[in-house]
Amino acid sequence: MAARLARYNRGQPPNPLSHMANLLFALIAYLIGSISFAVVVSKAMGLPDPHSYGSGNPGATNVLRTGNKKAAILTLLGDGLKGWLAVWLAQRFGPAYGIDDTGIALVTAAVFLGHLFPVFFRFAGGKGVATAAGILFAIHPILGLGTLATWIIIAVFFRYSSLAALVSALFAPFFYVLMFRADVIAAAITVISALLIVRHRQNIAKLLAGKESRIGEKKKAQ
């Protein structure tokens, strides 16, 4: 995959449209990322705005607090799909306009930032776990599977969803470099991982304090 991405402009004269194409695809990616499926699905199914209850986070976990598993699953799939779609579009159609590795890196970061700070929803976005997973699967299925396997292993053994997400975020850049090389795409994945960790800062505090809820554990009444 890395070799395929790097070949876009290799051995070819510089394309004057390359920089413009990189920015255009990044803008498209940001707009795709700004579609908050937690809000869209909740509105379509007559559920309250996910910003208004629970953690206030527009993500599948918070939507699940309504008791509607279908809505939560649709949110999870939608958030993951938009990450995959943005990168796939750049990979599929970008080469014709001279998009290069820098463009792919910009797209991966842009769609993730769109999820975190959606322009359509007053920049109040989610934590980005599903969207990050979609991005990794688009870059390479094995990269996505490896990171997903890490999440599952941590979740099964420790039963903390947030801890599984944090460990997966730490390992994702390492997996990419191990599979390919340290390049601008690896840097973009590292930035995404760092942002995901920052978005989980409250969960980190709860984990350190021993107050984080485990998977399948009902919250105690306050």
N, C-alpha and C. Protein backbone atom coordinates (compact mmCIF):
# COMPACT_ATOMS: atom_id res chain seq x y z
N MET A 1 0.82 -1.21 0.00
CA MET A 1 0.00 0.00 0.00
C MET A 1 0.85 1.25 0.00
N ALA A 2 1.87 1.29 0.88
CA ALA A 2 2.72 2.48 0.93
C ALA A 2 3.40 2.69 -0.40
N ALA A 3 3.86 1.60 -1.02
CA ALA A 3 4.51 1.71 -2.32
C ALA A 3 3.53 2.21 -3.37
N ARG A 4 2.28 1.75 -3.29
CA ARG A 4 1.27 2.17 -4.26
C ARG A 4 0.96 3.64 -4.09
N LEU A 5 0.89 4.11 -2.84
CA LEU A 5 0.61 5.51 -2.61
C LEU A 5 1.78 6.38 -3.06
N ALA A 6 2.99 5.91 -2.84
CA ALA A 6 4.16 6.70 -3.14
C ALA A 6 4.43 6.81 -4.63
N ARG A 7 3.82 5.95 -5.43
CA ARG A 7 4.12 5.93 -6.85
C ARG A 7 3.39 7.00 -7.63
N TYR A 8 2.46 7.71 -6.97
CA TYR A 8 1.59 8.63 -7.68
C TYR A 8 2.37 9.59 -8.59
N ASN A 9 3.41 10.22 -8.04
CA ASN A 9 4.14 11.20 -8.81
C ASN A 9 5.58 10.76 -9.08
N ARG A 10 5.95 9.59 -8.63
CA ARG A 10 7.32 9.14 -8.78
C ARG A 10 7.62 8.90 -10.26
N GLY A 11 8.72 9.46 -10.72
CA GLY A 11 9.13 9.25 -12.10
C GLY A 11 8.33 10.07 -13.09
N GLN A 12 7.50 10.97 -12.59
CA GLN A 12 6.68 11.79 -13.47
C GLN A 12 7.00 13.26 -13.20
N PRO A 13 6.85 14.13 -14.19
CA PRO A 13 7.09 15.56 -13.95
C PRO A 13 6.09 16.10 -12.94
N PRO A 14 6.47 17.11 -12.16
CA PRO A 14 5.56 17.67 -11.16
C PRO A 14 4.25 18.12 -11.81
N ASN A 15 3.17 17.77 -11.18
CA ASN A 15 1.85 18.17 -11.66
C ASN A 15 1.46 19.48 -11.00
N PRO A 16 1.24 20.53 -11.78
CA PRO A 16 0.90 21.83 -11.19
C PRO A 16 -0.40 21.80 -10.40
N LEU A 17 -1.23 20.78 -10.64
CA LEU A 17 -2.50 20.68 -9.92
C LEU A 17 -2.36 19.91 -8.61
N SER A 18 -1.18 19.35 -8.36
CA SER A 18 -0.99 18.47 -7.21
C SER A 18 -1.34 19.15 -5.89
N HIS A 19 -0.76 20.33 -5.64
CA HIS A 19 -1.01 21.01 -4.37
C HIS A 19 -2.48 21.37 -4.22
N MET A 20 -3.08 21.84 -5.29
CA MET A 20 -4.50 22.18 -5.25
C MET A 20 -5.35 20.94 -5.00
N ALA A 21 -4.96 19.82 -5.65
CA ALA A 21 -5.70 18.57 -5.47
C ALA A 21 -5.60 18.09 -4.03
N ASN A 22 -4.41 18.19 -3.45
CA ASN A 22 -4.22 17.78 -2.06
C ASN A 22 -5.16 18.54 -1.14
N LEU A 23 -5.24 19.86 -1.34
CA LEU A 23 -6.09 20.70 -0.50
C LEU A 23 -7.57 20.44 -0.75
N LEU A 24 -7.92 20.23 -2.03
CA LEU A 24 -9.32 19.97 -2.37
C LEU A 24 -9.81 18.68 -1.75
N PHE A 25 -9.02 17.61 -1.88
CA PHE A 25 -9.43 16.33 -1.31
C PHE A 25 -9.46 16.39 0.22
N ALA A 26 -8.55 17.19 0.80
CA ALA A 26 -8.56 17.36 2.25
C ALA A 26 -9.82 18.08 2.70
N LEU A 27 -10.25 19.08 1.93
CA LEU A 27 -11.47 19.81 2.26
C LEU A 27 -12.69 18.89 2.16
N ILE A 28 -12.74 18.09 1.11
CA ILE A 28 -13.83 17.14 0.95
C ILE A 28 -13.85 16.16 2.11
N ALA A 29 -12.66 15.70 2.50
CA ALA A 29 -12.55 14.75 3.62
C ALA A 29 -13.06 15.38 4.91
N TYR A 30 -12.71 16.64 5.14
CA TYR A 30 -13.17 17.32 6.35
C TYR A 30 -14.70 17.42 6.38
N LEU A 31 -15.29 17.73 5.25
CA LEU A 31 -16.75 17.85 5.18
C LEU A 31 -17.42 16.50 5.40
N ILE A 32 -16.82 15.44 4.84
CA ILE A 32 -17.36 14.10 5.08
C ILE A 32 -17.26 13.75 6.56
N GLY A 33 -16.11 14.06 7.16
CA GLY A 33 -15.91 13.79 8.58
C GLY A 33 -16.86 14.57 9.46
N SER A 34 -17.32 15.73 8.97
CA SER A 34 -18.20 16.59 9.77
C SER A 34 -19.63 16.07 9.86
N ILE A 35 -19.94 15.02 9.11
CA ILE A 35 -21.27 14.40 9.22
C ILE A 35 -21.31 13.57 10.50
N SER A 36 -21.99 14.05 11.51
CA SER A 36 -22.06 13.35 12.79
C SER A 36 -23.21 12.35 12.75
N PHE A 37 -22.87 11.09 12.59
CA PHE A 37 -23.91 10.07 12.47
C PHE A 37 -24.68 9.86 13.76
N ALA A 38 -24.07 10.18 14.90
CA ALA A 38 -24.80 10.07 16.16
C ALA A 38 -26.00 11.02 16.15
N VAL A 39 -25.78 12.22 15.63
CA VAL A 39 -26.85 13.21 15.56
C VAL A 39 -27.84 12.86 14.46
N VAL A 40 -27.32 12.51 13.29
CA VAL A 40 -28.18 12.20 12.14
C VAL A 40 -29.08 10.99 12.43
N VAL A 41 -28.47 9.92 12.94
CA VAL A 41 -29.24 8.70 13.24
C VAL A 41 -30.25 8.96 14.34
N SER A 42 -29.83 9.67 15.38
CA SER A 42 -30.74 9.95 16.50
C SER A 42 -31.95 10.75 16.04
N LYS A 43 -31.70 11.76 15.19
CA LYS A 43 -32.81 12.57 14.69
C LYS A 43 -33.73 11.74 13.82
N ALA A 44 -33.16 10.89 12.97
CA ALA A 44 -33.96 10.07 12.07
C ALA A 44 -34.82 9.06 12.83
N MET A 45 -34.32 8.62 14.00
CA MET A 45 -35.04 7.60 14.76
C MET A 45 -35.82 8.18 15.93
N GLY A 46 -35.92 9.51 15.97
CA GLY A 46 -36.71 10.15 17.01
C GLY A 46 -36.08 10.10 18.39
N LEU A 47 -34.77 10.00 18.47
CA LEU A 47 -34.07 9.97 19.75
C LEU A 47 -33.55 11.37 20.10
N PRO A 48 -33.28 11.62 21.37
CA PRO A 48 -32.77 12.94 21.75
C PRO A 48 -31.37 13.19 21.19
N ASP A 49 -31.01 14.45 21.08
CA ASP A 49 -29.68 14.83 20.61
C ASP A 49 -28.64 14.25 21.56
N PRO A 50 -27.66 13.52 21.06
CA PRO A 50 -26.66 12.89 21.94
C PRO A 50 -25.82 13.89 22.73
N HIS A 51 -25.84 15.15 22.33
CA HIS A 51 -25.13 16.16 23.11
C HIS A 51 -25.85 16.48 24.42
N SER A 52 -27.12 16.05 24.51
CA SER A 52 -27.97 16.48 25.63
C SER A 52 -28.07 15.48 26.78
N TYR A 53 -27.40 14.35 26.70
CA TYR A 53 -27.51 13.35 27.78
C TYR A 53 -26.21 12.57 27.91
N GLY A 54 -26.12 11.79 28.98
CA GLY A 54 -24.95 10.95 29.21
C GLY A 54 -23.66 11.77 29.25
N SER A 55 -22.68 11.33 28.48
CA SER A 55 -21.39 12.01 28.43
C SER A 55 -21.44 13.26 27.54
N GLY A 56 -22.52 13.38 26.76
CA GLY A 56 -22.61 14.50 25.82
C GLY A 56 -21.78 14.28 24.57
N ASN A 57 -21.18 13.11 24.47
CA ASN A 57 -20.33 12.79 23.33
C ASN A 57 -21.18 12.20 22.20
N PRO A 58 -21.11 12.78 20.99
CA PRO A 58 -21.88 12.24 19.87
C PRO A 58 -21.19 11.03 19.25
N GLY A 59 -21.33 9.91 19.93
CA GLY A 59 -20.71 8.68 19.47
C GLY A 59 -21.61 7.49 19.77
N ALA A 60 -21.21 6.33 19.27
CA ALA A 60 -22.05 5.14 19.41
C ALA A 60 -22.28 4.75 20.87
N THR A 61 -21.25 4.88 21.70
CA THR A 61 -21.39 4.49 23.12
C THR A 61 -22.44 5.33 23.82
N ASN A 62 -22.43 6.62 23.55
CA ASN A 62 -23.42 7.48 24.20
C ASN A 62 -24.82 7.23 23.64
N VAL A 63 -24.92 7.01 22.34
CA VAL A 63 -26.22 6.71 21.73
C VAL A 63 -26.80 5.43 22.34
N LEU A 64 -25.93 4.49 22.68
CA LEU A 64 -26.38 3.23 23.28
C LEU A 64 -27.06 3.46 24.62
N ARG A 65 -26.74 4.57 25.26
CA ARG A 65 -27.36 4.88 26.56
C ARG A 65 -28.86 5.12 26.45
N THR A 66 -29.34 5.33 25.23
CA THR A 66 -30.79 5.48 25.03
C THR A 66 -31.48 4.13 25.09
N GLY A 67 -30.70 3.06 25.02
CA GLY A 67 -31.25 1.71 24.99
C GLY A 67 -31.55 1.23 23.59
N ASN A 68 -31.29 2.06 22.60
CA ASN A 68 -31.55 1.69 21.21
C ASN A 68 -30.27 1.15 20.57
N LYS A 69 -30.14 -0.17 20.56
CA LYS A 69 -28.93 -0.79 20.03
C LYS A 69 -28.78 -0.58 18.53
N LYS A 70 -29.91 -0.56 17.82
CA LYS A 70 -29.86 -0.36 16.38
C LYS A 70 -29.27 1.00 16.04
N ALA A 71 -29.68 2.02 16.79
CA ALA A 71 -29.16 3.37 16.56
C ALA A 71 -27.66 3.42 16.85
N ALA A 72 -27.24 2.73 17.90
CA ALA A 72 -25.83 2.72 18.26
C ALA A 72 -24.99 2.03 17.18
N ILE A 73 -25.51 0.93 16.66
CA ILE A 73 -24.78 0.19 15.62
C ILE A 73 -24.69 1.02 14.35
N LEU A 74 -25.79 1.67 13.97
CA LEU A 74 -25.78 2.51 12.78
C LEU A 74 -24.81 3.68 12.94
N THR A 75 -24.74 4.23 14.13
CA THR A 75 -23.79 5.31 14.40
C THR A 75 -22.36 4.82 14.27
N LEU A 76 -22.09 3.66 14.83
CA LEU A 76 -20.75 3.08 14.76
C LEU A 76 -20.34 2.82 13.31
N LEU A 77 -21.24 2.22 12.55
CA LEU A 77 -20.95 1.91 11.15
C LEU A 77 -20.78 3.19 10.32
N GLY A 78 -21.64 4.16 10.57
CA GLY A 78 -21.56 5.41 9.82
C GLY A 78 -20.27 6.16 10.08
N ASP A 79 -19.88 6.25 11.35
CA ASP A 79 -18.64 6.95 11.69
C ASP A 79 -17.42 6.23 11.14
N GLY A 80 -17.47 4.90 11.13
CA GLY A 80 -16.36 4.15 10.57
C GLY A 80 -16.31 4.27 9.05
N LEU A 81 -17.48 4.22 8.42
CA LEU A 81 -17.56 4.27 6.97
C LEU A 81 -17.06 5.61 6.42
N LYS A 82 -17.38 6.71 7.11
CA LYS A 82 -16.96 8.01 6.58
C LYS A 82 -15.44 8.16 6.61
N GLY A 83 -14.80 7.57 7.62
CA GLY A 83 -13.33 7.59 7.64
C GLY A 83 -12.75 6.80 6.49
N TRP A 84 -13.34 5.65 6.25
CA TRP A 84 -12.89 4.80 5.13
C TRP A 84 -13.15 5.48 3.80
N LEU A 85 -14.34 6.06 3.63
CA LEU A 85 -14.74 6.65 2.36
C LEU A 85 -13.83 7.81 1.96
N ALA A 86 -13.52 8.67 2.89
CA ALA A 86 -12.70 9.84 2.57
C ALA A 86 -11.33 9.43 2.04
N VAL A 87 -10.72 8.45 2.69
CA VAL A 87 -9.39 7.99 2.26
C VAL A 87 -9.50 7.24 0.94
N TRP A 88 -10.53 6.41 0.80
CA TRP A 88 -10.71 5.65 -0.45
C TRP A 88 -10.90 6.58 -1.64
N LEU A 89 -11.68 7.62 -1.48
CA LEU A 89 -11.90 8.57 -2.56
C LEU A 89 -10.59 9.19 -3.02
N ALA A 90 -9.74 9.55 -2.05
CA ALA A 90 -8.45 10.14 -2.40
C ALA A 90 -7.55 9.13 -3.10
N GLN A 91 -7.59 7.88 -2.64
CA GLN A 91 -6.77 6.84 -3.27
C GLN A 91 -7.28 6.50 -4.66
N ARG A 92 -8.59 6.49 -4.82
CA ARG A 92 -9.19 6.05 -6.08
C ARG A 92 -9.14 7.12 -7.16
N PHE A 93 -9.46 8.36 -6.79
CA PHE A 93 -9.56 9.42 -7.78
C PHE A 93 -8.43 10.45 -7.72
N GLY A 94 -7.72 10.48 -6.60
CA GLY A 94 -6.66 11.45 -6.44
C GLY A 94 -5.51 11.37 -7.43
N PRO A 95 -5.04 10.17 -7.76
CA PRO A 95 -3.89 10.06 -8.67
C PRO A 95 -4.09 10.78 -10.00
N ALA A 96 -5.29 10.82 -10.51
CA ALA A 96 -5.55 11.48 -11.78
C ALA A 96 -5.29 12.98 -11.70
N TYR A 97 -5.29 13.53 -10.49
CA TYR A 97 -5.07 14.96 -10.30
C TYR A 97 -3.71 15.23 -9.66
N GLY A 98 -2.88 14.20 -9.56
CA GLY A 98 -1.54 14.38 -9.03
C GLY A 98 -1.43 14.33 -7.53
N ILE A 99 -2.45 13.80 -6.85
CA ILE A 99 -2.37 13.72 -5.40
C ILE A 99 -1.24 12.78 -5.01
N ASP A 100 -0.52 13.12 -3.95
CA ASP A 100 0.64 12.34 -3.53
C ASP A 100 0.47 11.88 -2.08
N ASP A 101 1.57 11.35 -1.51
CA ASP A 101 1.50 10.87 -0.13
C ASP A 101 1.09 11.98 0.83
N THR A 102 1.56 13.19 0.56
CA THR A 102 1.18 14.31 1.42
C THR A 102 -0.33 14.53 1.36
N GLY A 103 -0.90 14.38 0.18
CA GLY A 103 -2.33 14.53 0.02
C GLY A 103 -3.10 13.47 0.79
N ILE A 104 -2.63 12.23 0.71
CA ILE A 104 -3.28 11.14 1.46
C ILE A 104 -3.19 11.41 2.96
N ALA A 105 -2.03 11.90 3.41
CA ALA A 105 -1.85 12.21 4.83
C ALA A 105 -2.80 13.32 5.26
N LEU A 106 -2.92 14.35 4.42
CA LEU A 106 -3.83 15.45 4.73
C LEU A 106 -5.28 14.97 4.81
N VAL A 107 -5.64 14.08 3.91
CA VAL A 107 -7.01 13.54 3.90
C VAL A 107 -7.29 12.76 5.18
N THR A 108 -6.35 11.92 5.60
CA THR A 108 -6.56 11.13 6.82
C THR A 108 -6.74 12.03 8.03
N ALA A 109 -5.93 13.08 8.10
CA ALA A 109 -6.04 14.01 9.23
C ALA A 109 -7.32 14.83 9.13
N ALA A 110 -7.68 15.25 7.92
CA ALA A 110 -8.84 16.13 7.73
C ALA A 110 -10.15 15.45 8.08
N VAL A 111 -10.33 14.20 7.66
CA VAL A 111 -11.59 13.52 7.95
C VAL A 111 -11.70 13.28 9.45
N PHE A 112 -10.58 13.02 10.12
CA PHE A 112 -10.60 12.82 11.57
C PHE A 112 -10.93 14.13 12.28
N LEU A 113 -10.31 15.22 11.83
CA LEU A 113 -10.61 16.53 12.42
C LEU A 113 -12.06 16.92 12.18
N GLY A 114 -12.60 16.51 11.03
CA GLY A 114 -14.01 16.77 10.76
C GLY A 114 -14.91 16.11 11.78
N HIS A 115 -14.55 14.89 12.16
CA HIS A 115 -15.34 14.19 13.17
C HIS A 115 -15.21 14.87 14.53
N LEU A 116 -14.00 15.28 14.88
CA LEU A 116 -13.78 15.92 16.17
C LEU A 116 -14.40 17.31 16.25
N PHE A 117 -14.30 18.04 15.14
CA PHE A 117 -14.79 19.42 15.11
C PHE A 117 -15.66 19.63 13.88
N PRO A 118 -16.87 19.05 13.88
CA PRO A 118 -17.75 19.11 12.70
C PRO A 118 -18.33 20.50 12.45
N VAL A 119 -18.11 21.01 11.26
CA VAL A 119 -18.59 22.35 10.93
C VAL A 119 -20.11 22.40 10.90
N PHE A 120 -20.76 21.26 10.66
CA PHE A 120 -22.23 21.22 10.59
C PHE A 120 -22.89 21.20 11.96
N PHE A 121 -22.13 20.93 13.02
CA PHE A 121 -22.71 20.77 14.35
C PHE A 121 -21.94 21.58 15.39
N ARG A 122 -21.64 22.83 15.03
CA ARG A 122 -21.02 23.79 15.94
C ARG A 122 -19.69 23.27 16.51
N PHE A 123 -19.01 22.47 15.73
CA PHE A 123 -17.67 21.96 16.07
C PHE A 123 -17.65 21.10 17.32
N ALA A 124 -18.81 20.56 17.70
CA ALA A 124 -18.90 19.68 18.87
C ALA A 124 -18.98 18.24 18.39
N GLY A 125 -17.83 17.58 18.29
CA GLY A 125 -17.77 16.23 17.74
C GLY A 125 -17.44 15.17 18.76
N GLY A 126 -17.21 13.97 18.25
CA GLY A 126 -16.95 12.82 19.11
C GLY A 126 -15.48 12.58 19.38
N LYS A 127 -15.19 11.39 19.88
CA LYS A 127 -13.81 11.05 20.26
C LYS A 127 -13.02 10.45 19.10
N GLY A 128 -13.71 9.86 18.12
CA GLY A 128 -13.04 9.46 16.90
C GLY A 128 -12.57 8.03 16.78
N VAL A 129 -12.97 7.14 17.68
CA VAL A 129 -12.47 5.76 17.63
C VAL A 129 -12.93 5.06 16.35
N ALA A 130 -14.22 5.11 16.05
CA ALA A 130 -14.74 4.43 14.86
C ALA A 130 -14.19 5.05 13.58
N THR A 131 -14.11 6.37 13.54
CA THR A 131 -13.60 7.05 12.35
C THR A 131 -12.13 6.71 12.13
N ALA A 132 -11.36 6.67 13.19
CA ALA A 132 -9.94 6.28 13.08
C ALA A 132 -9.81 4.87 12.54
N ALA A 133 -10.68 3.96 13.01
CA ALA A 133 -10.65 2.58 12.53
C ALA A 133 -10.95 2.53 11.03
N GLY A 134 -11.94 3.30 10.59
CA GLY A 134 -12.26 3.34 9.16
C GLY A 134 -11.10 3.85 8.33
N ILE A 135 -10.40 4.86 8.84
CA ILE A 135 -9.22 5.39 8.15
C ILE A 135 -8.15 4.32 7.99
N LEU A 136 -7.88 3.59 9.06
CA LEU A 136 -6.82 2.57 9.04
C LEU A 136 -7.18 1.44 8.08
N PHE A 137 -8.45 1.05 8.05
CA PHE A 137 -8.87 0.00 7.12
C PHE A 137 -8.72 0.46 5.67
N ALA A 138 -8.94 1.75 5.41
CA ALA A 138 -8.79 2.26 4.05
C ALA A 138 -7.32 2.31 3.64
N ILE A 139 -6.45 2.67 4.56
CA ILE A 139 -5.02 2.72 4.26
C ILE A 139 -4.52 1.32 3.91
N HIS A 140 -4.90 0.35 4.72
CA HIS A 140 -4.61 -1.06 4.41
C HIS A 140 -5.45 -1.95 5.33
N PRO A 141 -6.18 -2.93 4.78
CA PRO A 141 -7.03 -3.80 5.61
C PRO A 141 -6.27 -4.48 6.74
N ILE A 142 -5.03 -4.89 6.48
CA ILE A 142 -4.25 -5.57 7.53
C ILE A 142 -3.94 -4.61 8.68
N LEU A 143 -3.67 -3.35 8.33
CA LEU A 143 -3.42 -2.34 9.36
C LEU A 143 -4.67 -2.17 10.22
N GLY A 144 -5.82 -2.11 9.57
CA GLY A 144 -7.07 -1.98 10.31
C GLY A 144 -7.35 -3.20 11.18
N LEU A 145 -7.13 -4.38 10.62
CA LEU A 145 -7.38 -5.62 11.38
C LEU A 145 -6.44 -5.75 12.57
N GLY A 146 -5.19 -5.37 12.36
CA GLY A 146 -4.21 -5.46 13.44
C GLY A 146 -4.58 -4.54 14.59
N THR A 147 -5.01 -3.34 14.26
CA THR A 147 -5.40 -2.38 15.29
C THR A 147 -6.70 -2.82 15.97
N LEU A 148 -7.64 -3.35 15.18
CA LEU A 148 -8.88 -3.86 15.75
C LEU A 148 -8.61 -5.04 16.68
N ALA A 149 -7.71 -5.92 16.28
CA ALA A 149 -7.35 -7.07 17.12
C ALA A 149 -6.77 -6.60 18.46
N THR A 150 -5.97 -5.53 18.41
CA THR A 150 -5.41 -4.97 19.64
C THR A 150 -6.53 -4.48 20.55
N TRP A 151 -7.51 -3.79 19.96
CA TRP A 151 -8.64 -3.29 20.74
C TRP A 151 -9.38 -4.46 21.40
N ILE A 152 -9.64 -5.50 20.62
CA ILE A 152 -10.39 -6.64 21.15
C ILE A 152 -9.65 -7.33 22.28
N ILE A 153 -8.35 -7.53 22.11
CA ILE A 153 -7.55 -8.20 23.14
C ILE A 153 -7.58 -7.43 24.46
N ILE A 154 -7.35 -6.13 24.38
CA ILE A 154 -7.36 -5.30 25.60
C ILE A 154 -8.75 -5.27 26.21
N ALA A 155 -9.77 -5.16 25.36
CA ALA A 155 -11.15 -5.09 25.86
C ALA A 155 -11.55 -6.38 26.56
N VAL A 156 -11.16 -7.51 25.99
CA VAL A 156 -11.53 -8.81 26.57
C VAL A 156 -10.83 -9.04 27.91
N PHE A 157 -9.53 -8.71 27.96
CA PHE A 157 -8.76 -9.00 29.17
C PHE A 157 -8.99 -7.98 30.28
N PHE A 158 -9.20 -6.72 29.93
CA PHE A 158 -9.32 -5.68 30.96
C PHE A 158 -10.73 -5.11 31.08
N ARG A 159 -11.57 -5.32 30.05
CA ARG A 159 -12.97 -4.90 30.06
C ARG A 159 -13.14 -3.39 30.19
N TYR A 160 -12.19 -2.66 29.66
CA TYR A 160 -12.30 -1.20 29.59
C TYR A 160 -12.27 -0.79 28.13
N SER A 161 -13.37 -0.26 27.62
CA SER A 161 -13.42 0.18 26.24
C SER A 161 -12.45 1.33 25.98
N SER A 162 -12.39 2.25 26.92
CA SER A 162 -11.50 3.41 26.76
C SER A 162 -10.03 2.99 26.76
N LEU A 163 -9.68 2.05 27.62
CA LEU A 163 -8.29 1.57 27.67
C LEU A 163 -7.94 0.86 26.36
N ALA A 164 -8.88 0.09 25.83
CA ALA A 164 -8.66 -0.59 24.56
C ALA A 164 -8.41 0.42 23.44
N ALA A 165 -9.19 1.50 23.45
CA ALA A 165 -9.02 2.54 22.43
C ALA A 165 -7.68 3.23 22.58
N LEU A 166 -7.26 3.50 23.80
CA LEU A 166 -5.99 4.19 24.04
C LEU A 166 -4.80 3.33 23.62
N VAL A 167 -4.82 2.05 23.98
CA VAL A 167 -3.73 1.16 23.61
C VAL A 167 -3.68 0.98 22.09
N SER A 168 -4.83 0.84 21.46
CA SER A 168 -4.88 0.71 20.00
C SER A 168 -4.31 1.95 19.32
N ALA A 169 -4.64 3.12 19.87
CA ALA A 169 -4.13 4.38 19.32
C ALA A 169 -2.62 4.44 19.42
N LEU A 170 -2.07 3.95 20.50
CA LEU A 170 -0.62 3.95 20.68
C LEU A 170 0.07 3.01 19.70
N PHE A 171 -0.57 1.89 19.42
CA PHE A 171 0.06 0.88 18.56
C PHE A 171 -0.13 1.14 17.07
N ALA A 172 -1.18 1.86 16.67
CA ALA A 172 -1.48 2.06 15.25
C ALA A 172 -0.30 2.63 14.45
N PRO A 173 0.36 3.71 14.91
CA PRO A 173 1.50 4.23 14.14
C PRO A 173 2.64 3.22 14.06
N PHE A 174 2.85 2.48 15.14
CA PHE A 174 3.89 1.46 15.16
C PHE A 174 3.60 0.37 14.13
N PHE A 175 2.34 -0.07 14.07
CA PHE A 175 1.95 -1.08 13.08
C PHE A 175 2.20 -0.59 11.66
N TYR A 176 1.86 0.67 11.39
CA TYR A 176 2.05 1.21 10.05
C TYR A 176 3.54 1.21 9.67
N VAL A 177 4.37 1.71 10.56
CA VAL A 177 5.81 1.78 10.28
C VAL A 177 6.38 0.37 10.11
N LEU A 178 5.90 -0.56 10.91
CA LEU A 178 6.37 -1.95 10.82
C LEU A 178 5.99 -2.55 9.47
N MET A 179 4.81 -2.22 8.97
CA MET A 179 4.35 -2.76 7.69
C MET A 179 4.98 -2.05 6.50
N PHE A 180 5.18 -0.74 6.63
CA PHE A 180 5.65 0.05 5.49
C PHE A 180 6.94 0.78 5.84
N ARG A 181 6.82 2.05 6.23
CA ARG A 181 8.00 2.83 6.58
C ARG A 181 7.54 4.08 7.33
N ALA A 182 8.50 4.79 7.91
CA ALA A 182 8.19 6.05 8.57
C ALA A 182 8.10 7.13 7.50
N ASP A 183 6.90 7.58 7.20
CA ASP A 183 6.70 8.59 6.17
C ASP A 183 5.64 9.58 6.63
N VAL A 184 5.18 10.40 5.70
CA VAL A 184 4.22 11.44 6.05
C VAL A 184 2.87 10.84 6.47
N ILE A 185 2.54 9.68 5.94
CA ILE A 185 1.28 9.02 6.33
C ILE A 185 1.41 8.50 7.76
N ALA A 186 2.57 7.98 8.10
CA ALA A 186 2.81 7.54 9.48
C ALA A 186 2.69 8.72 10.42
N ALA A 187 3.18 9.88 9.99
CA ALA A 187 3.08 11.09 10.81
C ALA A 187 1.62 11.48 11.03
N ALA A 188 0.81 11.36 9.96
CA ALA A 188 -0.61 11.69 10.07
C ALA A 188 -1.32 10.74 11.04
N ILE A 189 -0.99 9.46 10.96
CA ILE A 189 -1.58 8.48 11.87
C ILE A 189 -1.17 8.78 13.31
N THR A 190 0.07 9.22 13.50
CA THR A 190 0.54 9.58 14.83
C THR A 190 -0.23 10.77 15.38
N VAL A 191 -0.49 11.76 14.53
CA VAL A 191 -1.28 12.92 14.94
C VAL A 191 -2.70 12.50 15.33
N ILE A 192 -3.29 11.63 14.52
CA ILE A 192 -4.63 11.13 14.81
C ILE A 192 -4.65 10.40 16.15
N SER A 193 -3.65 9.57 16.38
CA SER A 193 -3.57 8.82 17.64
C SER A 193 -3.44 9.77 18.82
N ALA A 194 -2.61 10.81 18.66
CA ALA A 194 -2.42 11.78 19.74
C ALA A 194 -3.72 12.51 20.05
N LEU A 195 -4.45 12.91 19.00
CA LEU A 195 -5.72 13.60 19.19
C LEU A 195 -6.75 12.69 19.86
N LEU A 196 -6.76 11.42 19.46
CA LEU A 196 -7.69 10.48 20.06
C LEU A 196 -7.40 10.32 21.56
N ILE A 197 -6.12 10.26 21.90
CA ILE A 197 -5.74 10.14 23.31
C ILE A 197 -6.17 11.38 24.09
N VAL A 198 -5.95 12.57 23.50
CA VAL A 198 -6.36 13.81 24.16
C VAL A 198 -7.87 13.83 24.39
N ARG A 199 -8.63 13.34 23.42
CA ARG A 199 -10.09 13.32 23.55
C ARG A 199 -10.55 12.36 24.65
N HIS A 200 -9.67 11.46 25.04
CA HIS A 200 -10.00 10.50 26.10
C HIS A 200 -9.41 10.91 27.46
N ARG A 201 -9.05 12.19 27.60
CA ARG A 201 -8.39 12.62 28.83
C ARG A 201 -9.25 12.40 30.08
N GLN A 202 -10.56 12.57 29.95
CA GLN A 202 -11.43 12.32 31.10
C GLN A 202 -11.46 10.84 31.45
N ASN A 203 -11.45 10.00 30.42
CA ASN A 203 -11.42 8.55 30.66
C ASN A 203 -10.11 8.14 31.31
N ILE A 204 -9.01 8.78 30.90
CA ILE A 204 -7.70 8.49 31.50
C ILE A 204 -7.72 8.82 32.99
N ALA A 205 -8.31 9.98 33.32
CA ALA A 205 -8.40 10.37 34.73
C ALA A 205 -9.22 9.36 35.53
N LYS A 206 -10.32 8.89 34.92
CA LYS A 206 -11.16 7.90 35.61
C LYS A 206 -10.45 6.57 35.76
N LEU A 207 -9.69 6.19 34.74
CA LEU A 207 -8.93 4.94 34.83
C LEU A 207 -7.90 5.00 35.96
N LEU A 208 -7.21 6.12 36.06
CA LEU A 208 -6.19 6.29 37.11
C LEU A 208 -6.83 6.32 38.49
N ALA A 209 -8.06 6.84 38.56
CA ALA A 209 -8.76 6.93 39.84
C ALA A 209 -9.56 5.67 40.15
N GLY A 210 -9.58 4.70 39.20
CA GLY A 210 -10.33 3.47 39.41
C GLY A 210 -11.83 3.66 39.32
N LYS A 211 -12.27 4.70 38.61
CA LYS A 211 -13.68 5.00 38.52
C LYS A 211 -14.27 4.76 37.13
N GLU A 212 -13.46 4.30 36.21
CA GLU A 212 -13.95 4.06 34.85
C GLU A 212 -14.84 2.83 34.81
N SER A 213 -15.95 2.93 34.11
CA SER A 213 -16.88 1.81 34.00
C SER A 213 -16.31 0.73 33.09
N ARG A 214 -16.49 -0.52 33.47
CA ARG A 214 -16.05 -1.65 32.65
C ARG A 214 -17.13 -2.00 31.63
N ILE A 215 -16.74 -2.68 30.60
CA ILE A 215 -17.67 -3.13 29.57
C ILE A 215 -18.69 -4.08 30.20
N GLY A 216 -19.96 -3.80 29.99
CA GLY A 216 -21.02 -4.66 30.51
C GLY A 216 -21.38 -4.37 31.95
N GLU A 217 -20.70 -3.39 32.55
CA GLU A 217 -20.97 -3.05 33.95
C GLU A 217 -21.98 -1.92 34.02
N LYS A 218 -23.02 -2.11 34.80
CA LYS A 218 -24.02 -1.07 34.98
C LYS A 218 -23.50 -0.02 35.94
N LYS A 219 -23.73 1.24 35.59
CA LYS A 219 -23.29 2.32 36.45
C LYS A 219 -24.08 2.31 37.75
N LYS A 220 -23.34 2.54 38.82
CA LYS A 220 -23.99 2.61 40.13
C LYS A 220 -24.76 3.91 40.25
N ALA A 221 -25.87 3.82 40.95
CA ALA A 221 -26.67 5.03 41.15
C ALA A 221 -25.89 6.04 41.98
N GLN A 222 -25.97 7.31 41.59
CA GLN A 222 -25.23 8.36 42.28
C GLN A 222 -25.99 8.75 43.55
